[in-house]
PDB file of all heavy atoms in Angstrom:
ATOM      1  N   GLU A   1       2.294 -10.014   8.786  1.00  0.00           N
ATOM      2  CA  GLU A   1       2.772  -8.763   9.389  1.00  0.00           C
ATOM      3  C   GLU A   1       1.745  -7.641   9.233  1.00  0.00           C
ATOM      4  O   GLU A   1       1.680  -6.724  10.048  1.00  0.00           O
ATOM      5  CB  GLU A   1       4.093  -8.330   8.723  1.00  0.00           C
ATOM      6  CG  GLU A   1       4.622  -6.997   9.193  1.00  0.00           C
ATOM      7  CD  GLU A   1       5.881  -6.557   8.479  1.00  0.00           C
ATOM      8  OE1 GLU A   1       6.571  -7.402   7.863  1.00  0.00           O
ATOM      9  OE2 GLU A   1       6.175  -5.352   8.526  1.00  0.00           O
ATOM     10  N   TYR A   2       0.919  -7.726   8.196  1.00  0.00           N
ATOM     11  CA  TYR A   2      -0.050  -6.667   7.909  1.00  0.00           C
ATOM     12  C   TYR A   2      -1.471  -7.022   8.356  1.00  0.00           C
ATOM     13  O   TYR A   2      -2.424  -6.385   7.938  1.00  0.00           O
ATOM     14  CB  TYR A   2      -0.013  -6.325   6.414  1.00  0.00           C
ATOM     15  CG  TYR A   2       1.359  -5.858   6.000  1.00  0.00           C
ATOM     16  CD1 TYR A   2       2.237  -6.711   5.327  1.00  0.00           C
ATOM     17  CD2 TYR A   2       1.801  -4.585   6.329  1.00  0.00           C
ATOM     18  CE1 TYR A   2       3.503  -6.294   4.966  1.00  0.00           C
ATOM     19  CE2 TYR A   2       3.086  -4.164   5.980  1.00  0.00           C
ATOM     20  CZ  TYR A   2       3.922  -5.024   5.301  1.00  0.00           C
ATOM     21  OH  TYR A   2       5.179  -4.607   4.962  1.00  0.00           O
ATOM     22  N   MET A   3      -1.590  -8.034   9.210  1.00  0.00           N
ATOM     23  CA  MET A   3      -2.891  -8.428   9.770  1.00  0.00           C
ATOM     24  C   MET A   3      -3.021  -7.809  11.159  1.00  0.00           C
ATOM     25  O   MET A   3      -2.056  -7.765  11.910  1.00  0.00           O
ATOM     26  CB  MET A   3      -2.986  -9.946   9.895  1.00  0.00           C
ATOM     27  CG  MET A   3      -2.718 -10.719   8.631  1.00  0.00           C
ATOM     28  SD  MET A   3      -4.109 -10.935   7.542  1.00  0.00           S
ATOM     29  CE  MET A   3      -5.248 -11.819   8.518  1.00  0.00           C
ATOM     30  N   ASP A   4      -4.220  -7.357  11.496  1.00  0.00           N
ATOM     31  CA  ASP A   4      -4.420  -6.848  12.854  1.00  0.00           C
ATOM     32  C   ASP A   4      -5.031  -7.943  13.732  1.00  0.00           C
ATOM     33  O   ASP A   4      -5.278  -9.069  13.274  1.00  0.00           O
ATOM     34  CB  ASP A   4      -5.233  -5.557  12.877  1.00  0.00           C
ATOM     35  CG  ASP A   4      -6.695  -5.737  12.432  1.00  0.00           C
ATOM     36  OD1 ASP A   4      -7.224  -6.866  12.474  1.00  0.00           O
ATOM     37  OD2 ASP A   4      -7.310  -4.720  12.047  1.00  0.00           O
ATOM     38  N   GLU A   5      -5.269  -7.609  14.982  1.00  0.00           N
ATOM     39  CA  GLU A   5      -5.765  -8.600  15.951  1.00  0.00           C
ATOM     40  C   GLU A   5      -7.159  -9.125  15.619  1.00  0.00           C
ATOM     41  O   GLU A   5      -7.566 -10.178  16.090  1.00  0.00           O
ATOM     42  CB  GLU A   5      -5.723  -8.029  17.377  1.00  0.00           C
ATOM     43  CG  GLU A   5      -6.543  -6.777  17.610  1.00  0.00           C
ATOM     44  CD  GLU A   5      -5.888  -5.486  17.096  1.00  0.00           C
ATOM     45  OE1 GLU A   5      -4.685  -5.491  16.789  1.00  0.00           O
ATOM     46  OE2 GLU A   5      -6.617  -4.481  16.999  1.00  0.00           O
ATOM     47  N   THR A   6      -7.900  -8.407  14.760  1.00  0.00           N
ATOM     48  CA  THR A   6      -9.239  -8.877  14.384  1.00  0.00           C
ATOM     49  C   THR A   6      -9.211  -9.741  13.123  1.00  0.00           C
ATOM     50  O   THR A   6     -10.239 -10.219  12.682  1.00  0.00           O
ATOM     51  CB  THR A   6     -10.191  -7.680  14.138  1.00  0.00           C
ATOM     52  OG1 THR A   6      -9.773  -6.979  12.961  1.00  0.00           O
ATOM     53  CG2 THR A   6     -10.238  -6.744  15.333  1.00  0.00           C
ATOM     54  N   GLY A   7      -8.013  -9.902  12.530  1.00  0.00           N
ATOM     55  CA  GLY A   7      -7.888 -10.694  11.320  1.00  0.00           C
ATOM     56  C   GLY A   7      -8.018  -9.884  10.041  1.00  0.00           C
ATOM     57  O   GLY A   7      -8.034 -10.450   8.948  1.00  0.00           O
ATOM     58  N   LYS A   8      -8.109  -8.543  10.152  1.00  0.00           N
ATOM     59  CA  LYS A   8      -8.202  -7.698   8.958  1.00  0.00           C
ATOM     60  C   LYS A   8      -6.812  -7.502   8.365  1.00  0.00           C
ATOM     61  O   LYS A   8      -5.847  -7.225   9.077  1.00  0.00           O
ATOM     62  CB  LYS A   8      -8.808  -6.338   9.302  1.00  0.00           C
ATOM     63  CG  LYS A   8      -8.946  -5.444   8.091  1.00  0.00           C
ATOM     64  CD  LYS A   8      -9.601  -4.116   8.404  1.00  0.00           C
ATOM     65  CE  LYS A   8      -9.643  -3.305   7.106  1.00  0.00           C
ATOM     66  NZ  LYS A   8     -10.236  -2.007   7.298  1.00  0.00           N
ATOM     67  N   PHE A   9      -6.738  -7.634   7.045  1.00  0.00           N
ATOM     68  CA  PHE A   9      -5.486  -7.430   6.327  1.00  0.00           C
ATOM     69  C   PHE A   9      -5.412  -5.977   5.878  1.00  0.00           C
ATOM     70  O   PHE A   9      -6.320  -5.464   5.242  1.00  0.00           O
ATOM     71  CB  PHE A   9      -5.423  -8.364   5.108  1.00  0.00           C
ATOM     72  CG  PHE A   9      -4.139  -8.268   4.337  1.00  0.00           C
ATOM     73  CD1 PHE A   9      -2.939  -8.648   4.914  1.00  0.00           C
ATOM     74  CD2 PHE A   9      -4.135  -7.801   3.043  1.00  0.00           C
ATOM     75  CE1 PHE A   9      -1.747  -8.568   4.199  1.00  0.00           C
ATOM     76  CE2 PHE A   9      -2.955  -7.724   2.314  1.00  0.00           C
ATOM     77  CZ  PHE A   9      -1.751  -8.104   2.901  1.00  0.00           C
ATOM     78  N   HIS A  10      -4.317  -5.301   6.198  1.00  0.00           N
ATOM     79  CA  HIS A  10      -4.146  -3.872   5.895  1.00  0.00           C
ATOM     80  C   HIS A  10      -3.211  -3.693   4.694  1.00  0.00           C
ATOM     81  O   HIS A  10      -2.065  -3.274   4.848  1.00  0.00           O
ATOM     82  CB  HIS A  10      -3.635  -3.130   7.132  1.00  0.00           C
ATOM     83  CG  HIS A  10      -4.621  -3.110   8.239  1.00  0.00           C
ATOM     84  ND1 HIS A  10      -5.591  -2.139   8.359  1.00  0.00           N
ATOM     85  CD2 HIS A  10      -4.815  -3.978   9.261  1.00  0.00           C
ATOM     86  CE1 HIS A  10      -6.341  -2.388   9.422  1.00  0.00           C
ATOM     87  NE2 HIS A  10      -5.893  -3.500   9.982  1.00  0.00           N
ATOM     88  N   LEU A  11      -3.713  -3.984   3.511  1.00  0.00           N
ATOM     89  CA  LEU A  11      -2.931  -3.902   2.291  1.00  0.00           C
ATOM     90  C   LEU A  11      -2.350  -2.506   2.082  1.00  0.00           C
ATOM     91  O   LEU A  11      -1.213  -2.348   1.656  1.00  0.00           O
ATOM     92  CB  LEU A  11      -3.787  -4.296   1.080  1.00  0.00           C
ATOM     93  CG  LEU A  11      -3.102  -4.226  -0.284  1.00  0.00           C
ATOM     94  CD1 LEU A  11      -1.915  -5.179  -0.352  1.00  0.00           C
ATOM     95  CD2 LEU A  11      -4.093  -4.521  -1.396  1.00  0.00           C
ATOM     96  N   ASN A  12      -3.125  -1.486   2.398  1.00  0.00           N
ATOM     97  CA  ASN A  12      -2.673  -0.119   2.135  1.00  0.00           C
ATOM     98  C   ASN A  12      -1.597   0.359   3.099  1.00  0.00           C
ATOM     99  O   ASN A  12      -1.085   1.463   2.944  1.00  0.00           O
ATOM    100  CB  ASN A  12      -3.858   0.839   2.107  1.00  0.00           C
ATOM    101  CG  ASN A  12      -4.754   0.556   0.911  1.00  0.00           C
ATOM    102  OD1 ASN A  12      -4.271   0.204  -0.162  1.00  0.00           O
ATOM    103  ND2 ASN A  12      -6.043   0.675   1.099  1.00  0.00           N
ATOM    104  N   ASP A  13      -1.218  -0.469   4.068  1.00  0.00           N
ATOM    105  CA  ASP A  13      -0.105  -0.145   4.962  1.00  0.00           C
ATOM    106  C   ASP A  13       1.218  -0.719   4.450  1.00  0.00           C
ATOM    107  O   ASP A  13       2.249  -0.542   5.080  1.00  0.00           O
ATOM    108  CB  ASP A  13      -0.366  -0.687   6.374  1.00  0.00           C
ATOM    109  CG  ASP A  13      -1.504   0.037   7.067  1.00  0.00           C
ATOM    110  OD1 ASP A  13      -1.902   1.132   6.614  1.00  0.00           O
ATOM    111  OD2 ASP A  13      -2.009  -0.487   8.079  1.00  0.00           O
ATOM    112  N   THR A  14       1.208  -1.402   3.319  1.00  0.00           N
ATOM    113  CA  THR A  14       2.405  -2.081   2.819  1.00  0.00           C
ATOM    114  C   THR A  14       3.304  -1.192   1.962  1.00  0.00           C
ATOM    115  O   THR A  14       4.365  -1.623   1.551  1.00  0.00           O
ATOM    116  CB  THR A  14       2.022  -3.326   1.990  1.00  0.00           C
ATOM    117  OG1 THR A  14       1.328  -2.900   0.805  1.00  0.00           O
ATOM    118  CG2 THR A  14       1.167  -4.296   2.784  1.00  0.00           C
ATOM    119  N   GLU A  15       2.883   0.029   1.683  1.00  0.00           N
ATOM    120  CA  GLU A  15       3.611   0.941   0.796  1.00  0.00           C
ATOM    121  C   GLU A  15       3.745   0.353  -0.610  1.00  0.00           C
ATOM    122  O   GLU A  15       4.831   0.232  -1.166  1.00  0.00           O
ATOM    123  CB  GLU A  15       4.979   1.327   1.360  1.00  0.00           C
ATOM    124  CG  GLU A  15       4.917   2.112   2.639  1.00  0.00           C
ATOM    125  CD  GLU A  15       6.263   2.646   3.085  1.00  0.00           C
ATOM    126  OE1 GLU A  15       7.210   1.847   3.225  1.00  0.00           O
ATOM    127  OE2 GLU A  15       6.359   3.872   3.248  1.00  0.00           O
ATOM    128  N   LEU A  16       2.593  -0.014  -1.179  1.00  0.00           N
ATOM    129  CA  LEU A  16       2.580  -0.559  -2.535  1.00  0.00           C
ATOM    130  C   LEU A  16       3.198   0.425  -3.518  1.00  0.00           C
ATOM    131  O   LEU A  16       3.038   1.640  -3.398  1.00  0.00           O
ATOM    132  CB  LEU A  16       1.153  -0.873  -2.979  1.00  0.00           C
ATOM    133  CG  LEU A  16       0.504  -2.081  -2.328  1.00  0.00           C
ATOM    134  CD1 LEU A  16      -0.958  -2.171  -2.739  1.00  0.00           C
ATOM    135  CD2 LEU A  16       1.239  -3.358  -2.683  1.00  0.00           C
ATOM    136  N   MET A  17       3.896  -0.126  -4.496  1.00  0.00           N
ATOM    137  CA  MET A  17       4.571   0.668  -5.506  1.00  0.00           C
ATOM    138  C   MET A  17       3.803   0.575  -6.814  1.00  0.00           C
ATOM    139  O   MET A  17       3.198  -0.451  -7.117  1.00  0.00           O
ATOM    140  CB  MET A  17       5.997   0.137  -5.661  1.00  0.00           C
ATOM    141  CG  MET A  17       6.879   0.952  -6.577  1.00  0.00           C
ATOM    142  SD  MET A  17       6.946   0.295  -8.230  1.00  0.00           S
ATOM    143  CE  MET A  17       8.006  -1.103  -7.995  1.00  0.00           C
ATOM    144  N   THR A  18       3.833   1.645  -7.570  1.00  0.00           N
ATOM    145  CA  THR A  18       3.194   1.684  -8.878  1.00  0.00           C
ATOM    146  C   THR A  18       4.170   2.250  -9.907  1.00  0.00           C
ATOM    147  O   THR A  18       5.187   2.849  -9.542  1.00  0.00           O
ATOM    148  CB  THR A  18       1.886   2.519  -8.826  1.00  0.00           C
ATOM    149  OG1 THR A  18       1.187   2.390 -10.050  1.00  0.00           O
ATOM    150  CG2 THR A  18       2.168   3.974  -8.530  1.00  0.00           C
ATOM    151  N   TYR A  19       3.848   2.049 -11.171  1.00  0.00           N
ATOM    152  CA  TYR A  19       4.705   2.483 -12.275  1.00  0.00           C
ATOM    153  C   TYR A  19       3.916   3.447 -13.137  1.00  0.00           C
ATOM    154  O   TYR A  19       2.760   3.179 -13.480  1.00  0.00           O
ATOM    155  CB  TYR A  19       5.106   1.247 -13.076  1.00  0.00           C
ATOM    156  CG  TYR A  19       5.973   1.505 -14.273  1.00  0.00           C
ATOM    157  CD1 TYR A  19       7.343   1.694 -14.128  1.00  0.00           C
ATOM    158  CD2 TYR A  19       5.430   1.516 -15.552  1.00  0.00           C
ATOM    159  CE1 TYR A  19       8.152   1.902 -15.238  1.00  0.00           C
ATOM    160  CE2 TYR A  19       6.232   1.714 -16.666  1.00  0.00           C
ATOM    161  CZ  TYR A  19       7.597   1.906 -16.499  1.00  0.00           C
ATOM    162  OH  TYR A  19       8.389   2.103 -17.595  1.00  0.00           O
ATOM    163  N   SER A  20       4.523   4.580 -13.469  1.00  0.00           N
ATOM    164  CA  SER A  20       3.844   5.549 -14.310  1.00  0.00           C
ATOM    165  C   SER A  20       4.828   6.226 -15.242  1.00  0.00           C
ATOM    166  O   SER A  20       5.743   6.925 -14.789  1.00  0.00           O
ATOM    167  CB  SER A  20       3.138   6.611 -13.453  1.00  0.00           C
ATOM    168  OG  SER A  20       2.437   7.526 -14.269  1.00  0.00           O
ATOM    169  N   HIS A  21       4.662   5.967 -16.523  1.00  0.00           N
ATOM    170  CA  HIS A  21       5.415   6.647 -17.577  1.00  0.00           C
ATOM    171  C   HIS A  21       6.926   6.591 -17.333  1.00  0.00           C
ATOM    172  O   HIS A  21       7.625   7.589 -17.368  1.00  0.00           O
ATOM    173  CB  HIS A  21       4.916   8.088 -17.698  1.00  0.00           C
ATOM    174  CG  HIS A  21       5.180   8.710 -19.034  1.00  0.00           C
ATOM    175  ND1 HIS A  21       4.676   8.206 -20.210  1.00  0.00           N
ATOM    176  CD2 HIS A  21       5.895   9.793 -19.378  1.00  0.00           C
ATOM    177  CE1 HIS A  21       5.071   8.958 -21.212  1.00  0.00           C
ATOM    178  NE2 HIS A  21       5.819   9.924 -20.740  1.00  0.00           N
ATOM    179  N   GLY A  22       7.419   5.385 -17.008  1.00  0.00           N
ATOM    180  CA  GLY A  22       8.851   5.173 -16.841  1.00  0.00           C
ATOM    181  C   GLY A  22       9.397   5.439 -15.457  1.00  0.00           C
ATOM    182  O   GLY A  22      10.610   5.368 -15.247  1.00  0.00           O
ATOM    183  N   GLU A  23       8.527   5.728 -14.491  1.00  0.00           N
ATOM    184  CA  GLU A  23       8.982   6.028 -13.128  1.00  0.00           C
ATOM    185  C   GLU A  23       8.169   5.235 -12.105  1.00  0.00           C
ATOM    186  O   GLU A  23       7.027   4.874 -12.354  1.00  0.00           O
ATOM    187  CB  GLU A  23       8.844   7.528 -12.847  1.00  0.00           C
ATOM    188  CG  GLU A  23       9.671   8.388 -13.788  1.00  0.00           C
ATOM    189  CD  GLU A  23       9.469   9.876 -13.562  1.00  0.00           C
ATOM    190  OE1 GLU A  23       8.303  10.318 -13.532  1.00  0.00           O
ATOM    191  OE2 GLU A  23      10.475  10.578 -13.394  1.00  0.00           O
ATOM    192  N   TYR A  24       8.793   4.995 -10.953  1.00  0.00           N
ATOM    193  CA  TYR A  24       8.144   4.265  -9.864  1.00  0.00           C
ATOM    194  C   TYR A  24       7.670   5.242  -8.787  1.00  0.00           C
ATOM    195  O   TYR A  24       8.372   6.200  -8.462  1.00  0.00           O
ATOM    196  CB  TYR A  24       9.125   3.274  -9.227  1.00  0.00           C
ATOM    197  CG  TYR A  24       9.736   2.305 -10.215  1.00  0.00           C
ATOM    198  CD1 TYR A  24      11.059   2.434 -10.618  1.00  0.00           C
ATOM    199  CD2 TYR A  24       8.986   1.265 -10.749  1.00  0.00           C
ATOM    200  CE1 TYR A  24      11.632   1.555 -11.519  1.00  0.00           C
ATOM    201  CE2 TYR A  24       9.548   0.376 -11.658  1.00  0.00           C
ATOM    202  CZ  TYR A  24      10.874   0.529 -12.040  1.00  0.00           C
ATOM    203  OH  TYR A  24      11.423  -0.345 -12.937  1.00  0.00           O
ATOM    204  N   PHE A  25       6.498   4.958  -8.220  1.00  0.00           N
ATOM    205  CA  PHE A  25       5.929   5.785  -7.163  1.00  0.00           C
ATOM    206  C   PHE A  25       5.364   4.893  -6.079  1.00  0.00           C
ATOM    207  O   PHE A  25       4.906   3.780  -6.351  1.00  0.00           O
ATOM    208  CB  PHE A  25       4.797   6.667  -7.708  1.00  0.00           C
ATOM    209  CG  PHE A  25       5.262   7.666  -8.727  1.00  0.00           C
ATOM    210  CD1 PHE A  25       5.297   7.342 -10.071  1.00  0.00           C
ATOM    211  CD2 PHE A  25       5.686   8.924  -8.334  1.00  0.00           C
ATOM    212  CE1 PHE A  25       5.746   8.248 -11.022  1.00  0.00           C
ATOM    213  CE2 PHE A  25       6.133   9.852  -9.273  1.00  0.00           C
ATOM    214  CZ  PHE A  25       6.162   9.513 -10.622  1.00  0.00           C
ATOM    215  N   VAL A  26       5.358   5.382  -4.858  1.00  0.00           N
ATOM    216  CA  VAL A  26       4.719   4.660  -3.766  1.00  0.00           C
ATOM    217  C   VAL A  26       3.323   5.255  -3.580  1.00  0.00           C
ATOM    218  O   VAL A  26       3.132   6.476  -3.682  1.00  0.00           O
ATOM    219  CB  VAL A  26       5.563   4.731  -2.464  1.00  0.00           C
ATOM    220  CG1 VAL A  26       5.622   6.135  -1.901  1.00  0.00           C
ATOM    221  CG2 VAL A  26       5.028   3.765  -1.421  1.00  0.00           C
ATOM    222  N   LEU A  27       2.351   4.395  -3.353  1.00  0.00           N
ATOM    223  CA  LEU A  27       0.996   4.881  -3.089  1.00  0.00           C
ATOM    224  C   LEU A  27       0.975   5.529  -1.717  1.00  0.00           C
ATOM    225  O   LEU A  27       1.661   5.089  -0.805  1.00  0.00           O
ATOM    226  CB  LEU A  27      -0.006   3.728  -3.147  1.00  0.00           C
ATOM    227  CG  LEU A  27      -0.156   3.050  -4.500  1.00  0.00           C
ATOM    228  CD1 LEU A  27      -1.177   1.924  -4.422  1.00  0.00           C
ATOM    229  CD2 LEU A  27      -0.572   4.047  -5.567  1.00  0.00           C
ATOM    230  N   GLY A  28       0.180   6.549  -1.551  1.00  0.00           N
ATOM    231  CA  GLY A  28       0.209   7.238  -0.277  1.00  0.00           C
ATOM    232  C   GLY A  28      -1.112   7.828   0.155  1.00  0.00           C
ATOM    233  O   GLY A  28      -1.874   7.214   0.867  1.00  0.00           O
ATOM    234  N   GLU A  29      -1.410   9.005  -0.291  1.00  0.00           N
ATOM    235  CA  GLU A  29      -2.536   9.769   0.223  1.00  0.00           C
ATOM    236  C   GLU A  29      -3.881   9.157  -0.166  1.00  0.00           C
ATOM    237  O   GLU A  29      -4.177   8.943  -1.342  1.00  0.00           O
ATOM    238  CB  GLU A  29      -2.454  11.201  -0.324  1.00  0.00           C
ATOM    239  CG  GLU A  29      -3.544  12.093   0.175  1.00  0.00           C
ATOM    240  CD  GLU A  29      -3.481  13.492  -0.446  1.00  0.00           C
ATOM    241  OE1 GLU A  29      -2.547  13.766  -1.237  1.00  0.00           O
ATOM    242  OE2 GLU A  29      -4.371  14.286  -0.146  1.00  0.00           O
ATOM    243  N   LYS A  30      -4.709   8.909   0.831  1.00  0.00           N
ATOM    244  CA  LYS A  30      -6.059   8.404   0.599  1.00  0.00           C
ATOM    245  C   LYS A  30      -6.955   9.581   0.216  1.00  0.00           C
ATOM    246  O   LYS A  30      -6.972  10.605   0.893  1.00  0.00           O
ATOM    247  CB  LYS A  30      -6.589   7.731   1.866  1.00  0.00           C
ATOM    248  CG  LYS A  30      -7.997   7.201   1.736  1.00  0.00           C
ATOM    249  CD  LYS A  30      -8.441   6.541   3.032  1.00  0.00           C
ATOM    250  CE  LYS A  30      -9.882   6.139   2.990  1.00  0.00           C
ATOM    251  NZ  LYS A  30     -10.307   5.535   4.260  1.00  0.00           N
ATOM    252  N   LEU A  31      -7.678   9.434  -0.877  1.00  0.00           N
ATOM    253  CA  LEU A  31      -8.536  10.505  -1.373  1.00  0.00           C
ATOM    254  C   LEU A  31     -10.020  10.255  -1.123  1.00  0.00           C
ATOM    255  O   LEU A  31     -10.815  11.174  -1.196  1.00  0.00           O
ATOM    256  CB  LEU A  31      -8.316  10.681  -2.884  1.00  0.00           C
ATOM    257  CG  LEU A  31      -6.880  11.000  -3.303  1.00  0.00           C
ATOM    258  CD1 LEU A  31      -6.781  11.042  -4.821  1.00  0.00           C
ATOM    259  CD2 LEU A  31      -6.423  12.305  -2.688  1.00  0.00           C
TER     260      LEU A  31
END
């Protein structure tokens, strides 16, 4: 579902979740 027509995998489009100090966050803004 996260592959484009060129075969590139778009991991950062999956809304990966992270854990920080007892709370969950979704990754978002590219810096």
